Amino acid sequence: MPSKKSNKKLTSKIVTVNEEKKTTPRTAKIVLFVFGVGPLILMCLFLFSNGFFNSP
């Protein structure tokens, strides 16, 4: 019987850890924007500043 009590304590700890690390849609959108669109914007700014899009 003591082993069942310890199993219950472990499962309750696992549930609380999972609840703390939930990913919200807002957080996911921020991460996608920073790592997806952010580098593209920085590359375009770099190319514009170096005259890549100017006609010869």
PDB file of N, CA and C in Angstrom:
ATOM      1  N   MET A   1       0.790  -1.209   0.000  1.00  0.00           N
ATOM      2  CA  MET A   1       0.000   0.000   0.000  1.00  0.00           C
ATOM      3  C   MET A   1       0.837   1.282   0.000  1.00  0.00           C
ATOM      4  N   PRO A   2       2.007   1.323   0.670  1.00  0.00           N
ATOM      5  CA  PRO A   2       2.776   2.570   0.659  1.00  0.00           C
ATOM      6  C   PRO A   2       3.214   2.974  -0.752  1.00  0.00           C
ATOM      7  N   SER A   3       3.444   2.005  -1.617  1.00  0.00           N
ATOM      8  CA  SER A   3       3.893   2.363  -2.960  1.00  0.00           C
ATOM      9  C   SER A   3       2.805   3.108  -3.729  1.00  0.00           C
ATOM     10  N   LYS A   4       1.553   2.788  -3.495  1.00  0.00           N
ATOM     11  CA  LYS A   4       0.478   3.505  -4.169  1.00  0.00           C
ATOM     12  C   LYS A   4       0.424   4.959  -3.726  1.00  0.00           C
ATOM     13  N   LYS A   5       0.685   5.220  -2.459  1.00  0.00           N
ATOM     14  CA  LYS A   5       0.677   6.593  -1.975  1.00  0.00           C
ATOM     15  C   LYS A   5       1.782   7.411  -2.642  1.00  0.00           C
ATOM     16  N   SER A   6       2.950   6.828  -2.822  1.00  0.00           N
ATOM     17  CA  SER A   6       4.040   7.553  -3.463  1.00  0.00           C
ATOM     18  C   SER A   6       3.727   7.794  -4.934  1.00  0.00           C
ATOM     19  N   ASN A   7       3.052   6.859  -5.588  1.00  0.00           N
ATOM     20  CA  ASN A   7       2.670   7.062  -6.983  1.00  0.00           C
ATOM     21  C   ASN A   7       1.697   8.224  -7.120  1.00  0.00           C
ATOM     22  N   LYS A   8       0.791   8.358  -6.182  1.00  0.00           N
ATOM     23  CA  LYS A   8      -0.158   9.463  -6.253  1.00  0.00           C
ATOM     24  C   LYS A   8       0.563  10.792  -6.096  1.00  0.00           C
ATOM     25  N   LYS A   9       1.540  10.860  -5.241  1.00  0.00           N
ATOM     26  CA  LYS A   9       2.277  12.099  -5.055  1.00  0.00           C
ATOM     27  C   LYS A   9       3.064  12.451  -6.319  1.00  0.00           C
ATOM     28  N   LEU A  10       3.641  11.459  -6.967  1.00  0.00           N
ATOM     29  CA  LEU A  10       4.409  11.717  -8.177  1.00  0.00           C
ATOM     30  C   LEU A  10       3.510  12.227  -9.293  1.00  0.00           C
ATOM     31  N   THR A  11       2.335  11.634  -9.449  1.00  0.00           N
ATOM     32  CA  THR A  11       1.454  12.078 -10.523  1.00  0.00           C
ATOM     33  C   THR A  11       0.955  13.496 -10.272  1.00  0.00           C
ATOM     34  N   SER A  12       0.717  13.869  -9.026  1.00  0.00           N
ATOM     35  CA  SER A  12       0.266  15.228  -8.760  1.00  0.00           C
ATOM     36  C   SER A  12       1.376  16.234  -9.060  1.00  0.00           C
ATOM     37  N   LYS A  13       2.622  15.872  -8.789  1.00  0.00           N
ATOM     38  CA  LYS A  13       3.736  16.772  -9.105  1.00  0.00           C
ATOM     39  C   LYS A  13       3.895  16.933 -10.609  1.00  0.00           C
ATOM     40  N   ILE A  14       3.718  15.855 -11.349  1.00  0.00           N
ATOM     41  CA  ILE A  14       3.850  15.914 -12.804  1.00  0.00           C
ATOM     42  C   ILE A  14       2.758  16.799 -13.394  1.00  0.00           C
ATOM     43  N   VAL A  15       1.561  16.704 -12.893  1.00  0.00           N
ATOM     44  CA  VAL A  15       0.457  17.521 -13.395  1.00  0.00           C
ATOM     45  C   VAL A  15       0.725  18.990 -13.142  1.00  0.00           C
ATOM     46  N   THR A  16       1.228  19.351 -11.979  1.00  0.00           N
ATOM     47  CA  THR A  16       1.491  20.757 -11.697  1.00  0.00           C
ATOM     48  C   THR A  16       2.634  21.292 -12.561  1.00  0.00           C
ATOM     49  N   VAL A  17       3.629  20.480 -12.850  1.00  0.00           N
ATOM     50  CA  VAL A  17       4.723  20.920 -13.715  1.00  0.00           C
ATOM     51  C   VAL A  17       4.211  21.146 -15.127  1.00  0.00           C
ATOM     52  N   ASN A  18       3.332  20.270 -15.619  1.00  0.00           N
ATOM     53  CA  ASN A  18       2.781  20.432 -16.960  1.00  0.00           C
ATOM     54  C   ASN A  18       1.901  21.670 -17.054  1.00  0.00           C
ATOM     55  N   GLU A  19       1.184  22.000 -16.001  1.00  0.00           N
ATOM     56  CA  GLU A  19       0.337  23.182 -16.027  1.00  0.00           C
ATOM     57  C   GLU A  19       1.165  24.458 -16.084  1.00  0.00           C
ATOM     58  N   GLU A  20       2.332  24.467 -15.481  1.00  0.00           N
ATOM     59  CA  GLU A  20       3.162  25.660 -15.471  1.00  0.00           C
ATOM     60  C   GLU A  20       3.817  25.913 -16.822  1.00  0.00           C
ATOM     61  N   LYS A  21       4.043  24.882 -17.617  1.00  0.00           N
ATOM     62  CA  LYS A  21       4.782  25.034 -18.865  1.00  0.00           C
ATOM     63  C   LYS A  21       3.878  25.027 -20.093  1.00  0.00           C
ATOM     64  N   LYS A  22       2.626  25.420 -19.953  1.00  0.00           N
ATOM     65  CA  LYS A  22       1.730  25.450 -21.106  1.00  0.00           C
ATOM     66  C   LYS A  22       2.125  26.584 -22.027  1.00  0.00           C
ATOM     67  N   THR A  23       2.019  26.341 -23.338  1.00  0.00           N
ATOM     68  CA  THR A  23       2.322  27.352 -24.326  1.00  0.00           C
ATOM     69  C   THR A  23       1.020  27.972 -24.794  1.00  0.00           C
ATOM     70  N   THR A  24       0.903  29.254 -24.646  1.00  0.00           N
ATOM     71  CA  THR A  24      -0.305  29.937 -25.079  1.00  0.00           C
ATOM     72  C   THR A  24      -0.172  30.318 -26.542  1.00  0.00           C
ATOM     73  N   PRO A  25      -1.275  30.491 -27.237  1.00  0.00           N
ATOM     74  CA  PRO A  25      -1.200  30.910 -28.643  1.00  0.00           C
ATOM     75  C   PRO A  25      -0.496  32.251 -28.819  1.00  0.00           C
ATOM     76  N   ARG A  26      -0.645  33.129 -27.836  1.00  0.00           N
ATOM     77  CA  ARG A  26       0.018  34.441 -27.926  1.00  0.00           C
ATOM     78  C   ARG A  26       1.529  34.281 -27.907  1.00  0.00           C
ATOM     79  N   THR A  27       2.029  33.434 -27.016  1.00  0.00           N
ATOM     80  CA  THR A  27       3.470  33.198 -26.939  1.00  0.00           C
ATOM     81  C   THR A  27       3.976  32.560 -28.221  1.00  0.00           C
ATOM     82  N   ALA A  28       3.215  31.635 -28.765  1.00  0.00           N
ATOM     83  CA  ALA A  28       3.632  30.972 -30.001  1.00  0.00           C
ATOM     84  C   ALA A  28       3.715  31.963 -31.155  1.00  0.00           C
ATOM     85  N   LYS A  29       2.771  32.887 -31.222  1.00  0.00           N
ATOM     86  CA  LYS A  29       2.795  33.888 -32.294  1.00  0.00           C
ATOM     87  C   LYS A  29       3.988  34.821 -32.164  1.00  0.00           C
ATOM     88  N   ILE A  30       4.318  35.195 -30.941  1.00  0.00           N
ATOM     89  CA  ILE A  30       5.473  36.064 -30.729  1.00  0.00           C
ATOM     90  C   ILE A  30       6.753  35.370 -31.146  1.00  0.00           C
ATOM     91  N   VAL A  31       6.893  34.097 -30.786  1.00  0.00           N
ATOM     92  CA  VAL A  31       8.102  33.341 -31.136  1.00  0.00           C
ATOM     93  C   VAL A  31       8.206  33.181 -32.644  1.00  0.00           C
ATOM     94  N   LEU A  32       7.096  32.862 -33.304  1.00  0.00           N
ATOM     95  CA  LEU A  32       7.123  32.717 -34.763  1.00  0.00           C
ATOM     96  C   LEU A  32       7.477  34.029 -35.446  1.00  0.00           C
ATOM     97  N   PHE A  33       6.986  35.137 -34.929  1.00  0.00           N
ATOM     98  CA  PHE A  33       7.299  36.419 -35.539  1.00  0.00           C
ATOM     99  C   PHE A  33       8.769  36.768 -35.372  1.00  0.00           C
ATOM    100  N   VAL A  34       9.290  36.577 -34.169  1.00  0.00           N
ATOM    101  CA  VAL A  34      10.679  36.958 -33.891  1.00  0.00           C
ATOM    102  C   VAL A  34      11.644  36.107 -34.706  1.00  0.00           C
ATOM    103  N   PHE A  35      11.423  34.797 -34.748  1.00  0.00           N
ATOM    104  CA  PHE A  35      12.366  33.921 -35.432  1.00  0.00           C
ATOM    105  C   PHE A  35      12.011  33.670 -36.893  1.00  0.00           C
ATOM    106  N   GLY A  36      10.819  34.051 -37.333  1.00  0.00           N
ATOM    107  CA  GLY A  36      10.431  33.836 -38.720  1.00  0.00           C
ATOM    108  C   GLY A  36      10.513  35.094 -39.555  1.00  0.00           C
ATOM    109  N   VAL A  37       9.810  36.124 -39.131  1.00  0.00           N
ATOM    110  CA  VAL A  37       9.739  37.360 -39.910  1.00  0.00           C
ATOM    111  C   VAL A  37      10.894  38.298 -39.565  1.00  0.00           C
ATOM    112  N   GLY A  38      11.356  38.251 -38.333  1.00  0.00           N
ATOM    113  CA  GLY A  38      12.430  39.136 -37.897  1.00  0.00           C
ATOM    114  C   GLY A  38      13.691  39.049 -38.743  1.00  0.00           C
ATOM    115  N   PRO A  39      14.235  37.852 -38.966  1.00  0.00           N
ATOM    116  CA  PRO A  39      15.432  37.750 -39.810  1.00  0.00           C
ATOM    117  C   PRO A  39      15.211  38.215 -41.243  1.00  0.00           C
ATOM    118  N   LEU A  40      14.013  37.998 -41.786  1.00  0.00           N
ATOM    119  CA  LEU A  40      13.734  38.470 -43.145  1.00  0.00           C
ATOM    120  C   LEU A  40      13.767  39.989 -43.212  1.00  0.00           C
ATOM    121  N   ILE A  41      13.208  40.639 -42.231  1.00  0.00           N
ATOM    122  CA  ILE A  41      13.232  42.101 -42.200  1.00  0.00           C
ATOM    123  C   ILE A  41      14.664  42.606 -42.061  1.00  0.00           C
ATOM    124  N   LEU A  42      15.443  41.976 -41.197  1.00  0.00           N
ATOM    125  CA  LEU A  42      16.836  42.387 -41.023  1.00  0.00           C
ATOM    126  C   LEU A  42      17.647  42.175 -42.299  1.00  0.00           C
ATOM    127  N   MET A  43      17.416  41.089 -43.014  1.00  0.00           N
ATOM    128  CA  MET A  43      18.141  40.862 -44.274  1.00  0.00           C
ATOM    129  C   MET A  43      17.779  41.911 -45.306  1.00  0.00           C
ATOM    130  N   CYS A  44      16.491  42.256 -45.407  1.00  0.00           N
ATOM    131  CA  CYS A  44      16.076  43.282 -46.367  1.00  0.00           C
ATOM    132  C   CYS A  44      16.689  44.631 -46.022  1.00  0.00           C
ATOM    133  N   LEU A  45      16.696  44.988 -44.754  1.00  0.00           N
ATOM    134  CA  LEU A  45      17.319  46.258 -44.356  1.00  0.00           C
ATOM    135  C   LEU A  45      18.804  46.271 -44.677  1.00  0.00           C
ATOM    136  N   PHE A  46      19.483  45.163 -44.457  1.00  0.00           N
ATOM    137  CA  PHE A  46      20.903  45.074 -44.761  1.00  0.00           C
ATOM    138  C   PHE A  46      21.149  45.244 -46.260  1.00  0.00           C
ATOM    139  N   LEU A  47      20.342  44.562 -47.078  1.00  0.00           N
ATOM    140  CA  LEU A  47      20.522  44.657 -48.525  1.00  0.00           C
ATOM    141  C   LEU A  47      20.200  46.055 -49.035  1.00  0.00           C
ATOM    142  N   PHE A  48      19.161  46.685 -48.494  1.00  0.00           N
ATOM    143  CA  PHE A  48      18.846  48.053 -48.896  1.00  0.00           C
ATOM    144  C   PHE A  48      19.973  49.002 -48.523  1.00  0.00           C
ATOM    145  N   SER A  49      20.553  48.829 -47.343  1.00  0.00           N
ATOM    146  CA  SER A  49      21.610  49.738 -46.912  1.00  0.00           C
ATOM    147  C   SER A  49      22.880  49.568 -47.741  1.00  0.00           C
ATOM    148  N   ASN A  50      23.095  48.405 -48.310  1.00  0.00           N
ATOM    149  CA  ASN A  50      24.269  48.174 -49.152  1.00  0.00           C
ATOM    150  C   ASN A  50      24.009  48.433 -50.623  1.00  0.00           C
ATOM    151  N   GLY A  51      22.815  48.885 -50.985  1.00  0.00           N
ATOM    152  CA  GLY A  51      22.516  49.245 -52.370  1.00  0.00           C
ATOM    153  C   GLY A  51      22.243  48.056 -53.262  1.00  0.00           C
ATOM    154  N   PHE A  52      21.801  46.970 -52.732  1.00  0.00           N
ATOM    155  CA  PHE A  52      21.566  45.762 -53.531  1.00  0.00           C
ATOM    156  C   PHE A  52      20.417  45.959 -54.505  1.00  0.00           C
ATOM    157  N   PHE A  53      19.398  46.730 -54.120  1.00  0.00           N
ATOM    158  CA  PHE A  53      18.202  46.888 -54.954  1.00  0.00           C
ATOM    159  C   PHE A  53      18.269  48.108 -55.863  1.00  0.00           C
ATOM    160  N   ASN A  54      19.368  48.849 -55.844  1.00  0.00           N
ATOM    161  CA  ASN A  54      19.522  50.000 -56.732  1.00  0.00           C
ATOM    162  C   ASN A  54      19.892  49.532 -58.132  1.00  0.00           C
ATOM    163  N   SER A  55      19.367  50.223 -59.147  1.00  0.00           N
ATOM    164  CA  SER A  55      19.709  49.858 -60.516  1.00  0.00           C
ATOM    165  C   SER A  55      21.089  50.409 -60.856  1.00  0.00           C
ATOM    166  N   PRO A  56      21.838  49.691 -61.697  1.00  0.00           N
ATOM    167  CA  PRO A  56      23.212  50.141 -62.014  1.00  0.00           C
ATOM    168  C   PRO A  56      23.276  51.390 -62.874  1.00  0.00           C
TER     169      PRO A  56
END
